[in-house]
Amino acid sequence: MFRQLTRQIPGGAELLFRLHPIDLTSLLEQAWTFQRNDLSQPVGHPDHRSDIPGLPERLQQLFEGFDRNQRVFSSTSPDDCRPGYVRWEHLSYAYMLESTRLMEIFRRVVTLYREGEELGVPSNGAEHWLRNTEELFFRESAPFFITALTSFVRPNGDSIRRNAYYRMFGMDLTHPAEPYPKPAAANTQFVSIFEEFLRETWIGIINVRNTIGPNPTDHAKIADLAERLSDMLSTRRLASNLSREEFWAISTMAWFHLTLDFNSPIVSSLRAEATSPEQRLFRIAERVRIPAHAMSKSFFDIADAISRLLINIETRAFDDAANVPVLFNDPLITPDVQKVITHWSITTGRDLKAPKVAPNP
């Protein structure tokens, strides 16, 4: 979400990091209010994620001074921030980024800067980043905002995200963590069905120009797997379930992703300049003595692509066998599919491109 906003704000990320925390909270509140709201679609659909209201208009006006000046939500692009057209990333985006351990690493960064000068004295720009990061992500949220999820019932933000990941994907993060509520109603078959979908799609990709000999691509099977995935994911979203949790998780991870997208003020203050997000993360991790995931590059590379792919699956773009070929030869969709197959294979150690081995008779 924050990375989308930088495309709308003059000055981009540098200005975003220097905003007052209430401006940032207001921008998130408005992004929720301006979400796509196609009432012809069921609640939970990517174009109708939730009917839960944000701040009432009379209160929203108290917090929109920045937007009145910058007109962040006046884009003509339906994929960004035109009123009624904000579509945020899929929960899978947050899962992939959090798998790098960036949350623990940046929590340690803030802690060390606030407790002493082990990391040196932050630059002016880094101080703005530290204030906003601590206010937005490492304290209790102000009540009544759409992003205020922690409470006496759910006191731990990390636990809220992990619970959402497990419910949606049946997946835990790869690094050690404190226990969290693990519900019985969860998509525990997501991984196996998704991997089968990717394997079958890879067969289609490598055979898309096969005009001679047998073509093992099974369009009907791919469509069936896509439909099963769509049904599975949509079930978890009934009645706006997980909509706020998803919005907050992707906004949180997008803040840290944006921080690592370039040599931002906090990166420079930590003397962790590099040419890629994962190298910056590795250098920061070394400074604070918390190891980043060894496969962090693949987690960064897959995050946006898997988000777009799963959103397409949830819109039922591939439920009809006649539409399946776009997975193999569409200039926008196919690169995402290939990237997901490649980096899912790397991060899981399961080669989705390998030929299937027939079972022993």
Protein backbone atom coordinates (compact mmCIF):
# COMPACT_ATOMS: atom_id res chain seq x y z
CA MET A 1 0.00 0.00 0.00
CA PHE A 2 2.73 2.52 0.92
CA ARG A 3 4.58 1.67 -2.28
CA GLN A 4 1.42 2.48 -4.25
CA LEU A 5 1.13 5.81 -2.47
CA THR A 6 4.67 6.86 -3.37
CA ARG A 7 3.63 6.82 -7.04
CA GLN A 8 0.97 9.43 -6.24
CA ILE A 9 2.88 11.75 -3.91
CA PRO A 10 5.23 14.36 -5.37
CA GLY A 11 8.63 13.55 -3.88
CA GLY A 12 7.70 9.92 -3.40
CA ALA A 13 9.21 7.87 -0.60
CA GLU A 14 11.46 10.60 0.80
CA LEU A 15 8.42 12.78 1.53
CA LEU A 16 6.36 9.85 2.79
CA PHE A 17 8.95 8.98 5.43
CA ARG A 18 8.92 12.59 6.69
CA LEU A 19 5.16 12.88 7.13
CA HIS A 20 3.56 13.13 10.54
CA PRO A 21 2.24 9.76 11.78
CA ILE A 22 -1.33 11.04 11.68
CA ASP A 23 -0.88 11.88 7.99
CA LEU A 24 0.28 8.33 7.31
CA THR A 25 -2.61 6.88 9.30
CA SER A 26 -4.98 9.16 7.43
CA LEU A 27 -3.63 7.99 4.08
CA LEU A 28 -4.23 4.38 5.09
CA GLU A 29 -7.71 5.25 6.29
CA GLN A 30 -8.49 6.90 2.97
CA ALA A 31 -7.04 3.99 1.03
CA TRP A 32 -9.50 1.75 2.88
CA THR A 33 -12.37 4.14 2.20
CA PHE A 34 -11.43 4.39 -1.49
CA GLN A 35 -11.14 0.64 -2.00
CA ARG A 36 -12.77 -0.91 -5.05
CA ASN A 37 -16.40 -1.42 -4.20
CA ASP A 38 -18.15 -3.35 -6.96
CA LEU A 39 -21.42 -4.26 -5.26
CA SER A 40 -22.17 -6.80 -7.98
CA GLN A 41 -19.38 -8.95 -6.53
CA PRO A 42 -19.67 -10.89 -3.25
CA VAL A 43 -17.97 -9.51 -0.18
CA GLY A 44 -14.40 -10.80 -0.14
CA HIS A 45 -13.88 -10.50 -3.91
CA PRO A 46 -10.78 -8.45 -4.82
CA ASP A 47 -13.09 -5.72 -6.11
CA HIS A 48 -15.30 -5.82 -2.99
CA ARG A 49 -13.07 -6.83 -0.10
CA SER A 50 -15.16 -5.44 2.71
CA ASP A 51 -18.21 -3.43 3.73
CA ILE A 52 -16.67 -2.51 7.07
CA PRO A 53 -16.67 1.30 7.21
CA GLY A 54 -13.62 3.42 7.80
CA LEU A 55 -13.75 6.71 9.66
CA PRO A 56 -17.05 8.60 9.18
CA GLU A 57 -16.71 11.43 6.69
CA ARG A 58 -17.13 14.10 9.37
CA LEU A 59 -14.08 12.71 11.20
CA GLN A 60 -12.11 11.89 8.06
CA GLN A 61 -12.06 15.59 7.23
CA LEU A 62 -10.12 16.24 10.43
CA PHE A 63 -7.25 14.07 9.18
CA GLU A 64 -7.08 14.77 5.47
CA GLY A 65 -5.20 18.05 5.34
CA PHE A 66 -2.23 16.43 3.65
CA ASP A 67 -4.42 14.80 1.01
CA ARG A 68 -6.28 18.03 0.28
CA ASN A 69 -2.94 19.60 -0.62
CA GLN A 70 -1.36 16.66 -2.47
CA ARG A 71 -4.47 15.02 -4.00
CA VAL A 72 -3.09 11.53 -3.51
CA PHE A 73 -6.43 9.97 -4.36
CA SER A 74 -7.06 11.75 -7.63
CA SER A 75 -5.22 9.47 -10.06
CA THR A 76 -6.93 8.48 -13.28
CA SER A 77 -5.36 5.03 -13.10
CA PRO A 78 -7.88 2.38 -12.01
CA ASP A 79 -5.07 0.29 -10.55
CA ASP A 80 -3.90 2.91 -8.11
CA CYS A 81 -5.85 5.52 -6.18
CA ARG A 82 -8.81 6.85 -8.12
CA PRO A 83 -11.88 7.04 -5.85
CA GLY A 84 -13.41 3.61 -5.62
CA TYR A 85 -10.45 1.96 -7.33
CA VAL A 86 -7.83 1.23 -4.69
CA ARG A 87 -6.98 -2.46 -4.85
CA TRP A 88 -4.40 -3.47 -2.30
CA GLU A 89 -2.01 -6.40 -2.47
CA HIS A 90 -2.91 -9.97 -1.56
CA LEU A 91 -2.11 -11.35 1.89
CA SER A 92 0.50 -13.56 0.19
CA TYR A 93 2.58 -10.41 -0.44
CA ALA A 94 2.86 -9.82 3.31
CA TYR A 95 3.62 -13.48 4.02
CA MET A 96 6.52 -13.57 1.55
CA LEU A 97 8.09 -10.39 2.86
CA GLU A 98 7.71 -11.33 6.51
CA SER A 99 9.45 -14.62 5.71
CA THR A 100 12.69 -12.66 5.19
CA ARG A 101 12.62 -11.80 8.93
CA LEU A 102 12.53 -8.09 8.14
CA MET A 103 10.03 -7.45 10.93
CA GLU A 104 12.34 -8.78 13.65
CA ILE A 105 15.33 -7.07 12.09
CA PHE A 106 13.71 -3.63 11.98
CA ARG A 107 12.22 -4.08 15.44
CA ARG A 108 15.79 -4.53 16.64
CA VAL A 109 16.91 -1.47 14.67
CA VAL A 110 14.32 0.71 16.40
CA THR A 111 15.14 -0.80 19.80
CA LEU A 112 18.87 -0.20 19.51
CA TYR A 113 18.44 3.38 18.32
CA ARG A 114 16.01 4.13 21.16
CA GLU A 115 18.06 2.45 23.88
CA GLY A 116 21.47 3.91 23.09
CA GLU A 117 24.01 4.76 20.43
CA GLU A 118 25.31 1.32 19.49
CA LEU A 119 24.23 2.01 15.89
CA GLY A 120 25.43 5.60 16.03
CA VAL A 121 23.31 8.75 15.99
CA PRO A 122 20.55 8.67 13.35
CA SER A 123 20.54 11.24 10.61
CA ASN A 124 17.70 13.74 10.45
CA GLY A 125 15.89 11.71 7.79
CA ALA A 126 16.43 8.50 9.73
CA GLU A 127 14.97 10.12 12.85
CA HIS A 128 11.76 10.84 10.94
CA TRP A 129 11.66 7.22 9.80
CA LEU A 130 12.26 5.95 13.33
CA ARG A 131 9.49 8.06 14.79
CA ASN A 132 6.96 6.96 12.17
CA THR A 133 7.98 3.32 12.34
CA GLU A 134 7.69 3.18 16.12
CA GLU A 135 4.38 5.07 16.13
CA LEU A 136 2.74 3.00 13.39
CA PHE A 137 4.10 -0.52 13.90
CA PHE A 138 5.59 -0.93 17.37
CA ARG A 139 2.96 0.49 19.70
CA GLU A 140 -0.74 0.09 20.34
CA SER A 141 -2.71 1.60 17.46
CA ALA A 142 -4.95 4.56 18.09
CA PRO A 143 -8.51 3.31 18.60
CA PHE A 144 -11.25 3.49 15.97
CA PHE A 145 -8.92 3.53 12.94
CA ILE A 146 -9.31 0.68 10.46
CA THR A 147 -5.76 -0.41 11.29
CA ALA A 148 -6.41 -0.69 15.05
CA LEU A 149 -6.40 -4.48 15.46
CA THR A 150 -4.68 -5.12 18.79
CA SER A 151 -6.84 -5.22 21.91
CA PHE A 152 -7.23 -7.08 25.21
CA VAL A 153 -8.50 -9.97 23.09
CA ARG A 154 -5.66 -9.82 20.53
CA PRO A 155 -2.73 -8.10 22.22
CA ASN A 156 0.04 -9.16 19.83
CA GLY A 157 0.30 -7.84 16.27
CA ASP A 158 2.76 -10.54 15.21
CA SER A 159 0.31 -13.18 16.37
CA ILE A 160 -2.53 -11.54 14.44
CA ARG A 161 -0.57 -11.71 11.19
CA ARG A 162 0.57 -15.30 11.72
CA ASN A 163 -2.96 -16.36 12.52
CA ALA A 164 -4.12 -14.76 9.25
CA TYR A 165 -1.38 -16.47 7.23
CA TYR A 166 -2.32 -19.84 8.68
CA ARG A 167 -6.03 -19.36 8.10
CA MET A 168 -5.54 -18.30 4.49
CA PHE A 169 -2.66 -20.56 3.42
CA GLY A 170 -2.23 -23.19 6.14
CA MET A 171 1.36 -21.95 6.36
CA ASP A 172 3.62 -20.87 9.22
CA LEU A 173 6.56 -18.55 8.81
CA THR A 174 9.85 -20.38 8.41
CA HIS A 175 11.63 -18.77 11.36
CA PRO A 176 11.00 -19.47 15.07
CA ALA A 177 8.25 -17.46 16.71
CA GLU A 178 6.08 -17.39 19.79
CA PRO A 179 2.97 -19.60 19.71
CA TYR A 180 -0.17 -18.07 18.24
CA PRO A 181 -3.83 -19.15 18.03
CA LYS A 182 -3.95 -21.79 15.29
CA PRO A 183 -7.60 -22.28 14.27
CA ALA A 184 -9.17 -25.48 12.98
CA ALA A 185 -10.77 -23.63 10.06
CA ALA A 186 -7.75 -23.08 7.82
CA ASN A 187 -6.77 -23.75 4.21
CA THR A 188 -4.42 -26.60 5.07
CA GLN A 189 -4.64 -27.96 1.51
CA PHE A 190 -3.63 -24.67 -0.10
CA VAL A 191 0.03 -25.58 -0.59
CA SER A 192 -0.58 -28.94 -2.23
CA ILE A 193 -3.27 -27.62 -4.58
CA PHE A 194 -1.33 -24.47 -5.43
CA GLU A 195 1.81 -26.45 -6.21
CA GLU A 196 -0.17 -28.80 -8.46
CA PHE A 197 -1.64 -25.74 -10.22
CA LEU A 198 1.87 -24.36 -10.77
CA ARG A 199 3.23 -27.71 -12.02
CA GLU A 200 0.42 -28.10 -14.52
CA THR A 201 0.79 -24.49 -15.63
CA TRP A 202 4.53 -25.01 -16.18
CA ILE A 203 3.71 -27.91 -18.50
CA GLY A 204 1.51 -25.52 -20.46
CA ILE A 205 4.23 -22.87 -20.62
CA ILE A 206 6.89 -25.19 -22.00
CA ASN A 207 4.45 -26.67 -24.52
CA VAL A 208 2.72 -23.47 -25.61
CA ARG A 209 4.45 -23.53 -29.02
CA ASN A 210 4.38 -27.30 -29.38
CA THR A 211 2.67 -27.87 -32.73
CA ILE A 212 4.05 -31.32 -33.38
CA GLY A 213 3.78 -34.44 -31.25
CA PRO A 214 1.65 -34.93 -28.13
CA ASN A 215 0.94 -31.94 -25.88
CA PRO A 216 0.42 -33.00 -22.25
CA THR A 217 -1.09 -29.65 -21.21
CA ASP A 218 -4.38 -30.29 -19.40
CA HIS A 219 -6.47 -27.11 -19.61
CA ALA A 220 -9.43 -28.66 -17.82
CA LYS A 221 -7.28 -29.77 -14.88
CA ILE A 222 -5.69 -26.33 -14.54
CA ALA A 223 -9.13 -24.71 -14.57
CA ASP A 224 -10.35 -27.15 -11.92
CA LEU A 225 -7.34 -26.43 -9.70
CA ALA A 226 -7.83 -22.68 -10.14
CA GLU A 227 -11.47 -23.01 -9.17
CA ARG A 228 -10.59 -25.03 -6.07
CA LEU A 229 -8.06 -22.40 -5.04
CA SER A 230 -10.56 -19.61 -5.61
CA ASP A 231 -13.22 -21.40 -3.57
CA MET A 232 -10.74 -22.07 -0.79
CA LEU A 233 -9.50 -18.49 -0.55
CA SER A 234 -12.99 -17.00 -0.88
CA THR A 235 -14.26 -19.17 1.97
CA ARG A 236 -11.83 -17.52 4.35
CA ARG A 237 -13.12 -14.10 3.25
CA LEU A 238 -16.84 -14.61 3.87
CA ALA A 239 -18.52 -11.63 5.54
CA SER A 240 -15.34 -9.51 5.28
CA ASN A 241 -13.31 -12.05 7.26
CA LEU A 242 -9.58 -11.21 7.33
CA SER A 243 -10.04 -8.02 5.28
CA ARG A 244 -8.70 -5.69 7.95
CA GLU A 245 -5.99 -8.15 8.94
CA GLU A 246 -4.87 -8.39 5.31
CA PHE A 247 -4.92 -4.62 4.82
CA TRP A 248 -2.82 -4.02 7.92
CA ALA A 249 -0.39 -6.85 7.18
CA ILE A 250 0.32 -5.71 3.62
CA SER A 251 0.58 -2.06 4.73
CA THR A 252 3.09 -3.01 7.42
CA MET A 253 5.25 -5.08 5.09
CA ALA A 254 4.99 -2.48 2.32
CA TRP A 255 6.45 0.15 4.69
CA PHE A 256 9.56 -1.96 5.27
CA HIS A 257 9.68 -3.06 1.63
CA LEU A 258 9.70 0.61 0.61
CA THR A 259 12.43 1.25 3.17
CA LEU A 260 14.60 -1.37 1.45
CA ASP A 261 13.64 -0.47 -2.13
CA PHE A 262 16.35 2.20 -2.24
CA ASN A 263 19.10 3.61 -0.08
CA SER A 264 16.57 5.29 2.18
CA PRO A 265 17.58 7.55 5.08
CA ILE A 266 17.57 4.75 7.65
CA VAL A 267 19.54 2.46 5.31
CA SER A 268 22.13 5.19 4.82
CA SER A 269 22.22 5.96 8.55
CA LEU A 270 22.98 2.28 9.17
CA ARG A 271 25.71 2.37 6.49
CA ALA A 272 23.90 -0.48 4.73
CA GLU A 273 23.76 0.97 1.22
CA ALA A 274 23.55 -1.65 -1.52
CA THR A 275 22.02 -2.21 -4.95
CA SER A 276 19.11 -4.51 -4.04
CA PRO A 277 16.55 -4.87 -1.22
CA GLU A 278 17.90 -8.19 0.00
CA GLN A 279 21.50 -6.93 0.14
CA ARG A 280 20.39 -3.93 2.17
CA LEU A 281 18.48 -6.27 4.49
CA PHE A 282 21.50 -8.57 4.87
CA ARG A 283 23.72 -5.61 5.80
CA ILE A 284 21.22 -4.28 8.33
CA ALA A 285 20.77 -7.80 9.75
CA GLU A 286 24.51 -8.02 10.27
CA ARG A 287 24.52 -4.70 12.14
CA VAL A 288 21.80 -5.84 14.57
CA ARG A 289 22.90 -9.50 14.78
CA ILE A 290 19.64 -11.07 13.64
CA PRO A 291 20.15 -13.20 10.52
CA ALA A 292 17.90 -12.56 7.52
CA HIS A 293 16.55 -15.58 5.67
CA ALA A 294 19.15 -16.96 3.28
CA MET A 295 16.52 -17.00 0.49
CA SER A 296 15.48 -13.39 1.03
CA LYS A 297 16.12 -12.49 -2.62
CA SER A 298 13.54 -15.03 -3.75
CA PHE A 299 11.04 -13.83 -1.17
CA PHE A 300 11.42 -10.25 -2.43
CA ASP A 301 11.23 -11.39 -6.06
CA ILE A 302 8.07 -13.46 -5.59
CA ALA A 303 6.09 -11.07 -3.38
CA ASP A 304 4.46 -8.83 -6.01
CA ALA A 305 4.08 -11.61 -8.57
CA ILE A 306 2.31 -14.07 -6.26
CA SER A 307 0.03 -11.27 -5.07
CA ARG A 308 -1.10 -10.49 -8.61
CA LEU A 309 -1.47 -14.17 -9.50
CA LEU A 310 -3.62 -15.01 -6.48
CA ILE A 311 -5.78 -11.94 -7.03
CA ASN A 312 -6.38 -13.18 -10.59
CA ILE A 313 -7.25 -16.61 -9.23
CA GLU A 314 -9.69 -15.07 -6.75
CA THR A 315 -11.40 -13.15 -9.56
CA ARG A 316 -11.91 -16.58 -11.21
CA ALA A 317 -9.94 -15.52 -14.26
CA PHE A 318 -8.86 -19.11 -14.95
CA ASP A 319 -11.90 -21.14 -13.84
CA ASP A 320 -12.93 -21.68 -17.45
CA ALA A 321 -10.64 -23.99 -19.45
CA ALA A 322 -11.04 -21.64 -22.43
CA ASN A 323 -9.27 -18.88 -20.46
CA VAL A 324 -6.39 -21.02 -19.20
CA PRO A 325 -4.05 -20.33 -22.18
CA VAL A 326 -3.48 -16.76 -20.96
CA LEU A 327 -1.35 -18.33 -18.23
CA PHE A 328 1.04 -19.54 -20.94
CA ASN A 329 1.33 -16.62 -23.35
CA ASP A 330 -0.01 -13.39 -21.88
CA PRO A 331 2.66 -10.64 -21.68
CA LEU A 332 1.46 -9.54 -18.23
CA ILE A 333 0.32 -12.78 -16.60
CA THR A 334 2.89 -15.30 -17.85
CA PRO A 335 5.98 -13.52 -16.43
CA ASP A 336 4.31 -13.48 -13.01
CA VAL A 337 3.53 -17.20 -13.26
CA GLN A 338 7.10 -18.00 -14.28
CA LYS A 339 8.50 -15.91 -11.44
CA VAL A 340 6.23 -17.58 -8.90
CA ILE A 341 7.18 -21.08 -10.12
CA THR A 342 10.89 -20.26 -10.01
CA HIS A 343 11.02 -18.64 -6.59
CA TRP A 344 8.47 -20.92 -4.93
CA SER A 345 10.73 -23.79 -5.99
CA ILE A 346 13.78 -22.03 -4.52
CA THR A 347 12.21 -21.11 -1.19
CA THR A 348 10.53 -24.49 -0.60
CA GLY A 349 13.19 -26.75 -2.12
CA ARG A 350 10.51 -28.47 -4.21
CA ASP A 351 11.29 -28.19 -7.94
CA LEU A 352 7.97 -27.47 -9.63
CA LYS A 353 9.63 -27.62 -13.05
CA ALA A 354 10.87 -31.19 -12.63
CA PRO A 355 9.03 -33.85 -14.64
CA LYS A 356 6.60 -35.91 -12.62
CA VAL A 357 7.88 -39.28 -11.57
CA ALA A 358 5.36 -42.03 -12.17
CA PRO A 359 4.65 -44.12 -9.04
CA ASN A 360 6.05 -47.61 -8.94
CA PRO A 361 3.48 -50.19 -10.02
